[in-house]
Amino acid sequence: MHNIPLLLEPEALQQIIDDPSLLIIDICSPARYNEGHISGAIHLEPSATQLGAPPAPGKIPTTKNLEQLFQKLGLTEDKHVVVYDDEGGGWAGRFIWLLDCIGHTKYSYLNGGYLAWADEDRLLSKEVPVVTPSECSIRINHNHTASLDDVLSSLDDESTIIWDARSPQEYSGERVLAAKGGHIPGAINFEWTLAMDPKRALRLKDQQLLCDTLKKCGISTDKKVITHCQTHHRSGFTYIVAKILGFNEVKAYDGSWAEWGNTPDTPVEQ
């Protein structure tokens, strides 16, 4: 299958939904999935995308666990993955980051996810597909991930922007979800939901408008971007947004504030 865009509209997915080379991944709540999902979609628990260990549960899973996950989903090299959730793109974007981390580049994000699909009264199914497990073997590359040391070394790098996808209250230190409150020095706060269009079932906002808005905040496409939130869930969406908008280089800080804010000697601004 060729020429499937990174940002896939529901109408376009509807036209190709029966193609056997598609692998559709649903990262909605179990209740939502059971009520009705896109035909052929395989359900995935969000927690399966995370390491789950404190103090930074959002870090990438172990190679063994990630390999088992993709085998269970039936991933093979020829599959084009379409992923969606029911919250605007956080979990879906995180899953795309995982695909980047194993070098699987055939993927699309369903614009608006379940909400956009249902908003157009498109057919939902309660049938749970039978998955044929694959024997895929993976190797994790770290080209798309920033470690704590990477973030520290980027603080004086004018070519790199740290995009903080958390709420303004978390960014300012008014709301504290770790040992320390505040933000990484120099980080720019643009909350993840600001990139969504609530009038269009949480689809991505107009791309040119979004680029202009981000540029005014200091987040410009000619820069390298490291994005984070508390556990690299919300920043899963800003990760995929930056890729869609064509940023030079996009990395996720998977330790996120859970790691930074719980590490004693990391610098903090408020």
Foldseek 3Di string as FASTA:
>chain_A
DDDQDQAHELVRCVVCVPPPLEQEEEAEPPVVLQVWADPNYAYDDLQLQFCCDPLFGQDGHDQVSLQVVQQQSADDLSHQYEYFYQPQFLSVLSVVLVCVQFPRDRYHYHFLGPQLCVVVVHDTDNDHDDHRGDNDHTDGDQQAAAEPVNLVVCLPPPQEAEEEQEDPCQQCQVDDDELGGHAAPRHFYDHLQVQFDVVNNRGGPDLVVVQVVCVVSVRHQAGEYEYAYCQSRSCSNVQSSSVVSRRPHHHYHRSHCSNQRHDVPHDGDD
